[in-house]
Amino acid sequence: MSVPRSSLPKATGGKRATVWRAVVFTGAGLVLFAVAALYVVLGTPSAGDILARVRGEPSIARGFIGMAQFGQWRLICAPGPAPLNGLTPPAGVSAPVNAPAANACRINQEMPAPQEKEVAASEAAKVLIAANFSLVGERRTPVAMLRLPPTARPGDVIAVRFDDGATVKTVVRDCAEAECFATGALSEGDWTRLATARSLQVTFPVAGRQWVLLDLSVEGLPAAIAALARAENPPGA
């Protein structure tokens, strides 16, 4: 008696289905293993970290030292405690002997000054204003630090305005020949607002003591803030 022809395709189809199920289960197992390994090595990522990875932005490990770009914002981390003004990495500073590893981080955006026509395109553009945000001290107080043109004066109040109308006030503390520095503390609410801001503006004086309003890009800001929080969590903490 001959075998019915219809039974052969069914048997072949059943084998193929079994093979595909095995491939799918194996692939899913490898993905789960890779995710588990990532969690073990880097710890549980925050929502901001996950979003940054989906967007192809840098993945920042705890205790990070160096610089990473997030949209228009940079994360800058240096060894040791932060200097008072928080605007430049401390030169040659290292952690004390037997002290746990630590770093000092800030997020930074620099706005270039308009170039004159006779200035060569190859020359680096001068910075008109630099905005920096960081967490300082044992209480990790949010702080804004601004580098301004020398048209500002000590005592000037420089405001950072959010899209909802709220403002953070900084005060010009010191001025040199080429620049001035303003600092001011943020509340926890301000820090949360910063991470979700849809726009940021800074008011400051230019030539002739005319006050202008400058837009700061918020592209990459939420991811940069999340990376800062993760970077300042030292390994093993």
C-alpha atoms as a PDB file:
ATOM      1  CA  MET A   1       0.000   0.000   0.000  1.00  0.00           C
ATOM      2  CA  SER A   2       1.390   3.384  -0.968  1.00  0.00           C
ATOM      3  CA  VAL A   3       1.717   6.238   1.518  1.00  0.00           C
ATOM      4  CA  PRO A   4      -0.785   9.059   0.892  1.00  0.00           C
ATOM      5  CA  ARG A   5       0.904  11.952  -0.798  1.00  0.00           C
ATOM      6  CA  SER A   6      -0.691  14.492   1.542  1.00  0.00           C
ATOM      7  CA  SER A   7       1.146  13.067   4.578  1.00  0.00           C
ATOM      8  CA  LEU A   8       4.629  13.992   3.280  1.00  0.00           C
ATOM      9  CA  PRO A   9       4.141  17.781   3.101  1.00  0.00           C
ATOM     10  CA  LYS A  10       2.529  17.741   6.545  1.00  0.00           C
ATOM     11  CA  ALA A  11       5.507  15.937   8.015  1.00  0.00           C
ATOM     12  CA  THR A  12       7.918  18.338   6.301  1.00  0.00           C
ATOM     13  CA  GLY A  13       5.901  21.361   7.428  1.00  0.00           C
ATOM     14  CA  GLY A  14       5.889  20.087  10.995  1.00  0.00           C
ATOM     15  CA  LYS A  15       9.683  19.768  11.014  1.00  0.00           C
ATOM     16  CA  ARG A  16      10.083  23.305   9.678  1.00  0.00           C
ATOM     17  CA  ALA A  17       7.763  24.682  12.336  1.00  0.00           C
ATOM     18  CA  THR A  18       9.753  22.888  15.014  1.00  0.00           C
ATOM     19  CA  VAL A  19      13.020  24.287  13.677  1.00  0.00           C
ATOM     20  CA  TRP A  20      11.610  27.848  13.552  1.00  0.00           C
ATOM     21  CA  ARG A  21      10.302  27.569  17.109  1.00  0.00           C
ATOM     22  CA  ALA A  22      13.730  26.457  18.258  1.00  0.00           C
ATOM     23  CA  VAL A  23      15.368  29.394  16.443  1.00  0.00           C
ATOM     24  CA  VAL A  24      12.917  31.893  17.954  1.00  0.00           C
ATOM     25  CA  PHE A  25      13.323  30.536  21.488  1.00  0.00           C
ATOM     26  CA  THR A  26      17.106  30.499  21.135  1.00  0.00           C
ATOM     27  CA  GLY A  27      17.166  34.088  19.851  1.00  0.00           C
ATOM     28  CA  ALA A  28      14.890  35.256  22.660  1.00  0.00           C
ATOM     29  CA  GLY A  29      17.105  33.502  25.187  1.00  0.00           C
ATOM     30  CA  LEU A  30      20.217  35.242  23.826  1.00  0.00           C
ATOM     31  CA  VAL A  31      18.501  38.633  23.976  1.00  0.00           C
ATOM     32  CA  LEU A  32      17.439  38.059  27.585  1.00  0.00           C
ATOM     33  CA  PHE A  33      20.964  36.950  28.465  1.00  0.00           C
ATOM     34  CA  ALA A  34      22.463  40.084  26.874  1.00  0.00           C
ATOM     35  CA  VAL A  35      19.997  42.326  28.726  1.00  0.00           C
ATOM     36  CA  ALA A  36      20.751  40.569  32.019  1.00  0.00           C
ATOM     37  CA  ALA A  37      24.497  40.987  31.442  1.00  0.00           C
ATOM     38  CA  LEU A  38      23.971  44.697  30.708  1.00  0.00           C
ATOM     39  CA  TYR A  39      22.054  45.154  33.955  1.00  0.00           C
ATOM     40  CA  VAL A  40      24.762  43.351  35.932  1.00  0.00           C
ATOM     41  CA  VAL A  41      27.595  45.413  34.428  1.00  0.00           C
ATOM     42  CA  LEU A  42      25.953  48.834  34.258  1.00  0.00           C
ATOM     43  CA  GLY A  43      23.187  48.536  36.816  1.00  0.00           C
ATOM     44  CA  THR A  44      19.531  49.200  36.177  1.00  0.00           C
ATOM     45  CA  PRO A  45      19.297  51.998  33.589  1.00  0.00           C
ATOM     46  CA  SER A  46      16.918  54.889  34.108  1.00  0.00           C
ATOM     47  CA  ALA A  47      14.239  55.822  31.600  1.00  0.00           C
ATOM     48  CA  GLY A  48      16.551  58.597  30.372  1.00  0.00           C
ATOM     49  CA  ASP A  49      19.401  56.113  29.854  1.00  0.00           C
ATOM     50  CA  ILE A  50      17.154  53.751  27.905  1.00  0.00           C
ATOM     51  CA  LEU A  51      15.917  56.608  25.706  1.00  0.00           C
ATOM     52  CA  ALA A  52      19.501  57.755  25.116  1.00  0.00           C
ATOM     53  CA  ARG A  53      20.534  54.282  23.973  1.00  0.00           C
ATOM     54  CA  VAL A  54      17.555  54.027  21.637  1.00  0.00           C
ATOM     55  CA  ARG A  55      18.611  57.362  20.110  1.00  0.00           C
ATOM     56  CA  GLY A  56      22.195  56.169  19.721  1.00  0.00           C
ATOM     57  CA  GLU A  57      23.564  58.558  22.356  1.00  0.00           C
ATOM     58  CA  PRO A  58      26.554  57.640  24.563  1.00  0.00           C
ATOM     59  CA  SER A  59      26.029  55.149  27.387  1.00  0.00           C
ATOM     60  CA  ILE A  60      27.678  56.551  30.509  1.00  0.00           C
ATOM     61  CA  ALA A  61      29.053  54.230  33.196  1.00  0.00           C
ATOM     62  CA  ARG A  62      29.280  55.039  36.881  1.00  0.00           C
ATOM     63  CA  GLY A  63      32.452  56.941  37.712  1.00  0.00           C
ATOM     64  CA  PHE A  64      32.778  58.177  34.107  1.00  0.00           C
ATOM     65  CA  ILE A  65      35.767  60.433  33.341  1.00  0.00           C
ATOM     66  CA  GLY A  66      35.858  62.352  30.070  1.00  0.00           C
ATOM     67  CA  MET A  67      33.435  64.131  27.768  1.00  0.00           C
ATOM     68  CA  ALA A  68      30.318  62.924  25.932  1.00  0.00           C
ATOM     69  CA  GLN A  69      27.959  64.746  23.592  1.00  0.00           C
ATOM     70  CA  PHE A  70      24.173  64.688  23.990  1.00  0.00           C
ATOM     71  CA  GLY A  71      22.571  66.780  21.296  1.00  0.00           C
ATOM     72  CA  GLN A  72      23.637  70.377  21.971  1.00  0.00           C
ATOM     73  CA  TRP A  73      24.845  69.550  25.498  1.00  0.00           C
ATOM     74  CA  ARG A  74      28.114  68.048  26.688  1.00  0.00           C
ATOM     75  CA  LEU A  75      28.715  65.983  29.796  1.00  0.00           C
ATOM     76  CA  ILE A  76      32.159  66.807  31.215  1.00  0.00           C
ATOM     77  CA  CYS A  77      33.555  64.758  34.100  1.00  0.00           C
ATOM     78  CA  ALA A  78      36.955  65.174  35.780  1.00  0.00           C
ATOM     79  CA  PRO A  79      38.574  63.308  38.680  1.00  0.00           C
ATOM     80  CA  GLY A  80      38.244  64.689  42.188  1.00  0.00           C
ATOM     81  CA  PRO A  81      36.031  67.372  43.696  1.00  0.00           C
ATOM     82  CA  ALA A  82      34.646  70.204  41.595  1.00  0.00           C
ATOM     83  CA  PRO A  83      36.268  73.648  41.734  1.00  0.00           C
ATOM     84  CA  LEU A  84      34.175  76.420  43.234  1.00  0.00           C
ATOM     85  CA  ASN A  85      33.084  77.982  39.980  1.00  0.00           C
ATOM     86  CA  GLY A  86      32.569  74.604  38.310  1.00  0.00           C
ATOM     87  CA  LEU A  87      33.509  75.920  34.890  1.00  0.00           C
ATOM     88  CA  THR A  88      36.861  74.283  34.262  1.00  0.00           C
ATOM     89  CA  PRO A  89      38.186  70.833  35.243  1.00  0.00           C
ATOM     90  CA  PRO A  90      40.625  71.023  38.152  1.00  0.00           C
ATOM     91  CA  ALA A  91      44.176  70.615  36.867  1.00  0.00           C
ATOM     92  CA  GLY A  92      46.152  67.774  38.426  1.00  0.00           C
ATOM     93  CA  VAL A  93      43.601  67.076  41.148  1.00  0.00           C
ATOM     94  CA  SER A  94      43.228  63.483  42.276  1.00  0.00           C
ATOM     95  CA  ALA A  95      41.278  61.733  44.998  1.00  0.00           C
ATOM     96  CA  PRO A  96      42.933  61.540  48.446  1.00  0.00           C
ATOM     97  CA  VAL A  97      44.729  58.358  49.413  1.00  0.00           C
ATOM     98  CA  ASN A  98      42.359  55.624  50.644  1.00  0.00           C
ATOM     99  CA  ALA A  99      39.352  57.759  49.644  1.00  0.00           C
ATOM    100  CA  PRO A 100      36.665  56.220  47.428  1.00  0.00           C
ATOM    101  CA  ALA A 101      36.880  57.056  43.733  1.00  0.00           C
ATOM    102  CA  ALA A 102      34.992  60.218  42.879  1.00  0.00           C
ATOM    103  CA  ASN A 103      34.473  62.555  39.995  1.00  0.00           C
ATOM    104  CA  ALA A 104      32.980  65.978  39.398  1.00  0.00           C
ATOM    105  CA  CYS A 105      30.622  66.394  36.464  1.00  0.00           C
ATOM    106  CA  ARG A 106      28.742  69.190  34.780  1.00  0.00           C
ATOM    107  CA  ILE A 107      26.646  69.584  31.670  1.00  0.00           C
ATOM    108  CA  ASN A 108      27.654  72.378  29.350  1.00  0.00           C
ATOM    109  CA  GLN A 109      26.454  74.247  26.272  1.00  0.00           C
ATOM    110  CA  GLU A 110      28.447  76.990  24.573  1.00  0.00           C
ATOM    111  CA  MET A 111      26.855  79.573  22.310  1.00  0.00           C
ATOM    112  CA  PRO A 112      29.280  81.008  19.726  1.00  0.00           C
ATOM    113  CA  ALA A 113      29.420  84.737  19.119  1.00  0.00           C
ATOM    114  CA  PRO A 114      28.442  85.971  15.637  1.00  0.00           C
ATOM    115  CA  GLN A 115      31.529  85.993  13.429  1.00  0.00           C
ATOM    116  CA  GLU A 116      32.503  89.035  11.441  1.00  0.00           C
ATOM    117  CA  LYS A 117      32.801  88.642   7.677  1.00  0.00           C
ATOM    118  CA  GLU A 118      36.556  89.209   7.624  1.00  0.00           C
ATOM    119  CA  VAL A 119      37.173  86.402  10.157  1.00  0.00           C
ATOM    120  CA  ALA A 120      38.413  83.237   8.468  1.00  0.00           C
ATOM    121  CA  ALA A 121      35.976  80.338   8.598  1.00  0.00           C
ATOM    122  CA  SER A 122      38.793  78.052   9.792  1.00  0.00           C
ATOM    123  CA  GLU A 123      39.256  80.062  12.981  1.00  0.00           C
ATOM    124  CA  ALA A 124      37.474  78.827  16.094  1.00  0.00           C
ATOM    125  CA  ALA A 125      34.401  80.873  16.913  1.00  0.00           C
ATOM    126  CA  LYS A 126      34.522  82.853  20.136  1.00  0.00           C
ATOM    127  CA  VAL A 127      32.111  81.800  22.855  1.00  0.00           C
ATOM    128  CA  LEU A 128      29.448  84.400  23.602  1.00  0.00           C
ATOM    129  CA  ILE A 129      27.941  82.599  26.583  1.00  0.00           C
ATOM    130  CA  ALA A 130      28.396  79.191  28.220  1.00  0.00           C
ATOM    131  CA  ALA A 131      25.726  77.587  30.390  1.00  0.00           C
ATOM    132  CA  ASN A 132      26.728  74.952  32.945  1.00  0.00           C
ATOM    133  CA  PHE A 133      24.655  72.934  35.388  1.00  0.00           C
ATOM    134  CA  SER A 134      25.952  70.573  38.069  1.00  0.00           C
ATOM    135  CA  LEU A 135      25.262  68.996  41.466  1.00  0.00           C
ATOM    136  CA  VAL A 136      27.673  70.195  44.163  1.00  0.00           C
ATOM    137  CA  GLY A 137      28.466  69.355  47.774  1.00  0.00           C
ATOM    138  CA  GLU A 138      27.401  66.463  49.957  1.00  0.00           C
ATOM    139  CA  ARG A 139      23.757  67.420  49.492  1.00  0.00           C
ATOM    140  CA  ARG A 140      24.214  67.489  45.705  1.00  0.00           C
ATOM    141  CA  THR A 141      22.697  70.940  45.393  1.00  0.00           C
ATOM    142  CA  PRO A 142      21.778  71.855  41.802  1.00  0.00           C
ATOM    143  CA  VAL A 143      23.753  74.877  40.636  1.00  0.00           C
ATOM    144  CA  ALA A 144      23.753  77.016  37.496  1.00  0.00           C
ATOM    145  CA  MET A 145      27.047  78.527  36.344  1.00  0.00           C
ATOM    146  CA  LEU A 146      27.208  80.966  33.449  1.00  0.00           C
ATOM    147  CA  ARG A 147      30.167  82.354  31.565  1.00  0.00           C
ATOM    148  CA  LEU A 148      29.268  85.756  30.127  1.00  0.00           C
ATOM    149  CA  PRO A 149      30.797  88.541  28.043  1.00  0.00           C
ATOM    150  CA  PRO A 150      32.779  91.198  29.947  1.00  0.00           C
ATOM    151  CA  THR A 151      29.909  93.627  29.321  1.00  0.00           C
ATOM    152  CA  ALA A 152      28.361  92.224  32.498  1.00  0.00           C
ATOM    153  CA  ARG A 153      29.303  93.667  35.882  1.00  0.00           C
ATOM    154  CA  PRO A 154      29.685  92.147  39.350  1.00  0.00           C
ATOM    155  CA  GLY A 155      26.307  92.133  41.025  1.00  0.00           C
ATOM    156  CA  ASP A 156      24.291  91.856  37.802  1.00  0.00           C
ATOM    157  CA  VAL A 157      21.363  89.440  38.107  1.00  0.00           C
ATOM    158  CA  ILE A 158      21.345  87.034  35.161  1.00  0.00           C
ATOM    159  CA  ALA A 159      18.094  85.103  34.769  1.00  0.00           C
ATOM    160  CA  VAL A 160      17.511  81.694  33.192  1.00  0.00           C
ATOM    161  CA  ARG A 161      13.896  81.458  32.044  1.00  0.00           C
ATOM    162  CA  PHE A 162      11.920  78.238  31.492  1.00  0.00           C
ATOM    163  CA  ASP A 163       9.111  77.732  29.006  1.00  0.00           C
ATOM    164  CA  ASP A 164       6.497  77.876  31.785  1.00  0.00           C
ATOM    165  CA  GLY A 165       7.661  81.353  32.820  1.00  0.00           C
ATOM    166  CA  ALA A 166       9.608  80.259  35.905  1.00  0.00           C
ATOM    167  CA  THR A 167      13.099  81.729  36.322  1.00  0.00           C
ATOM    168  CA  VAL A 168      16.350  80.877  38.059  1.00  0.00           C
ATOM    169  CA  LYS A 169      18.426  83.876  39.114  1.00  0.00           C
ATOM    170  CA  THR A 170      22.202  83.865  39.075  1.00  0.00           C
ATOM    171  CA  VAL A 171      24.485  86.690  40.195  1.00  0.00           C
ATOM    172  CA  VAL A 172      27.693  87.824  38.515  1.00  0.00           C
ATOM    173  CA  ARG A 173      30.427  87.080  41.079  1.00  0.00           C
ATOM    174  CA  ASP A 174      33.582  87.987  39.217  1.00  0.00           C
ATOM    175  CA  CYS A 175      34.747  89.544  35.965  1.00  0.00           C
ATOM    176  CA  ALA A 176      38.033  89.376  34.078  1.00  0.00           C
ATOM    177  CA  GLU A 177      39.170  91.201  30.967  1.00  0.00           C
ATOM    178  CA  ALA A 178      37.527  88.735  28.607  1.00  0.00           C
ATOM    179  CA  GLU A 179      34.658  87.214  30.589  1.00  0.00           C
ATOM    180  CA  CYS A 180      32.411  87.284  33.655  1.00  0.00           C
ATOM    181  CA  PHE A 181      31.081  84.452  35.810  1.00  0.00           C
ATOM    182  CA  ALA A 182      27.627  84.154  37.356  1.00  0.00           C
ATOM    183  CA  THR A 183      26.397  81.435  39.708  1.00  0.00           C
ATOM    184  CA  GLY A 184      23.151  80.578  41.440  1.00  0.00           C
ATOM    185  CA  ALA A 185      21.506  77.649  43.215  1.00  0.00           C
ATOM    186  CA  LEU A 186      18.489  75.792  41.851  1.00  0.00           C
ATOM    187  CA  SER A 187      15.715  74.246  43.921  1.00  0.00           C
ATOM    188  CA  GLU A 188      14.823  70.585  43.475  1.00  0.00           C
ATOM    189  CA  GLY A 189      11.772  71.776  41.564  1.00  0.00           C
ATOM    190  CA  ASP A 190      13.978  73.854  39.269  1.00  0.00           C
ATOM    191  CA  TRP A 191      16.197  70.824  38.596  1.00  0.00           C
ATOM    192  CA  THR A 192      13.176  68.705  37.705  1.00  0.00           C
ATOM    193  CA  ARG A 193      11.857  71.529  35.522  1.00  0.00           C
ATOM    194  CA  LEU A 194      15.230  71.750  33.772  1.00  0.00           C
ATOM    195  CA  ALA A 195      15.083  68.084  32.796  1.00  0.00           C
ATOM    196  CA  THR A 196      11.684  68.550  31.144  1.00  0.00           C
ATOM    197  CA  ALA A 197      12.086  72.080  29.771  1.00  0.00           C
ATOM    198  CA  ARG A 198      10.905  72.675  26.214  1.00  0.00           C
ATOM    199  CA  SER A 199      12.836  75.943  25.986  1.00  0.00           C
ATOM    200  CA  LEU A 200      15.462  77.915  27.922  1.00  0.00           C
ATOM    201  CA  GLN A 201      16.380  81.571  27.659  1.00  0.00           C
ATOM    202  CA  VAL A 202      19.111  83.655  29.283  1.00  0.00           C
ATOM    203  CA  THR A 203      19.049  87.422  29.737  1.00  0.00           C
ATOM    204  CA  PHE A 204      22.350  89.313  29.975  1.00  0.00           C
ATOM    205  CA  PRO A 205      23.836  92.716  29.066  1.00  0.00           C
ATOM    206  CA  VAL A 206      25.829  93.388  25.920  1.00  0.00           C
ATOM    207  CA  ALA A 207      27.553  96.539  24.628  1.00  0.00           C
ATOM    208  CA  GLY A 208      26.019  99.746  25.880  1.00  0.00           C
ATOM    209  CA  ARG A 209      24.403  97.864  28.770  1.00  0.00           C
ATOM    210  CA  GLN A 210      21.603  96.726  26.494  1.00  0.00           C
ATOM    211  CA  TRP A 211      19.963  93.564  27.830  1.00  0.00           C
ATOM    212  CA  VAL A 212      19.274  90.775  25.366  1.00  0.00           C
ATOM    213  CA  LEU A 213      17.399  87.479  25.504  1.00  0.00           C
ATOM    214  CA  LEU A 214      19.252  84.433  24.145  1.00  0.00           C
ATOM    215  CA  ASP A 215      17.706  81.035  23.432  1.00  0.00           C
ATOM    216  CA  LEU A 216      19.549  77.954  24.678  1.00  0.00           C
ATOM    217  CA  SER A 217      18.839  74.705  22.858  1.00  0.00           C
ATOM    218  CA  VAL A 218      17.271  71.944  24.965  1.00  0.00           C
ATOM    219  CA  GLU A 219      18.189  69.245  22.436  1.00  0.00           C
ATOM    220  CA  GLY A 220      19.799  66.407  24.407  1.00  0.00           C
ATOM    221  CA  LEU A 221      19.323  68.121  27.778  1.00  0.00           C
ATOM    222  CA  PRO A 222      17.190  65.412  29.475  1.00  0.00           C
ATOM    223  CA  ALA A 223      19.640  62.685  28.420  1.00  0.00           C
ATOM    224  CA  ALA A 224      22.622  64.779  29.560  1.00  0.00           C
ATOM    225  CA  ILE A 225      21.064  65.320  33.005  1.00  0.00           C
ATOM    226  CA  ALA A 226      20.340  61.591  33.359  1.00  0.00           C
ATOM    227  CA  ALA A 227      23.923  60.796  32.309  1.00  0.00           C
ATOM    228  CA  LEU A 228      25.319  63.275  34.864  1.00  0.00           C
ATOM    229  CA  ALA A 229      23.379  61.621  37.687  1.00  0.00           C
ATOM    230  CA  ARG A 230      24.655  58.203  36.616  1.00  0.00           C
ATOM    231  CA  ALA A 231      28.268  59.303  36.049  1.00  0.00           C
ATOM    232  CA  GLU A 232      28.633  60.792  39.541  1.00  0.00           C
ATOM    233  CA  ASN A 233      27.533  57.524  41.139  1.00  0.00           C
ATOM    234  CA  PRO A 234      30.992  55.949  41.680  1.00  0.00           C
ATOM    235  CA  PRO A 235      31.619  52.266  40.824  1.00  0.00           C
ATOM    236  CA  GLY A 236      30.636  49.986  43.654  1.00  0.00           C
ATOM    237  CA  ALA A 237      28.343  52.587  45.228  1.00  0.00           C
END
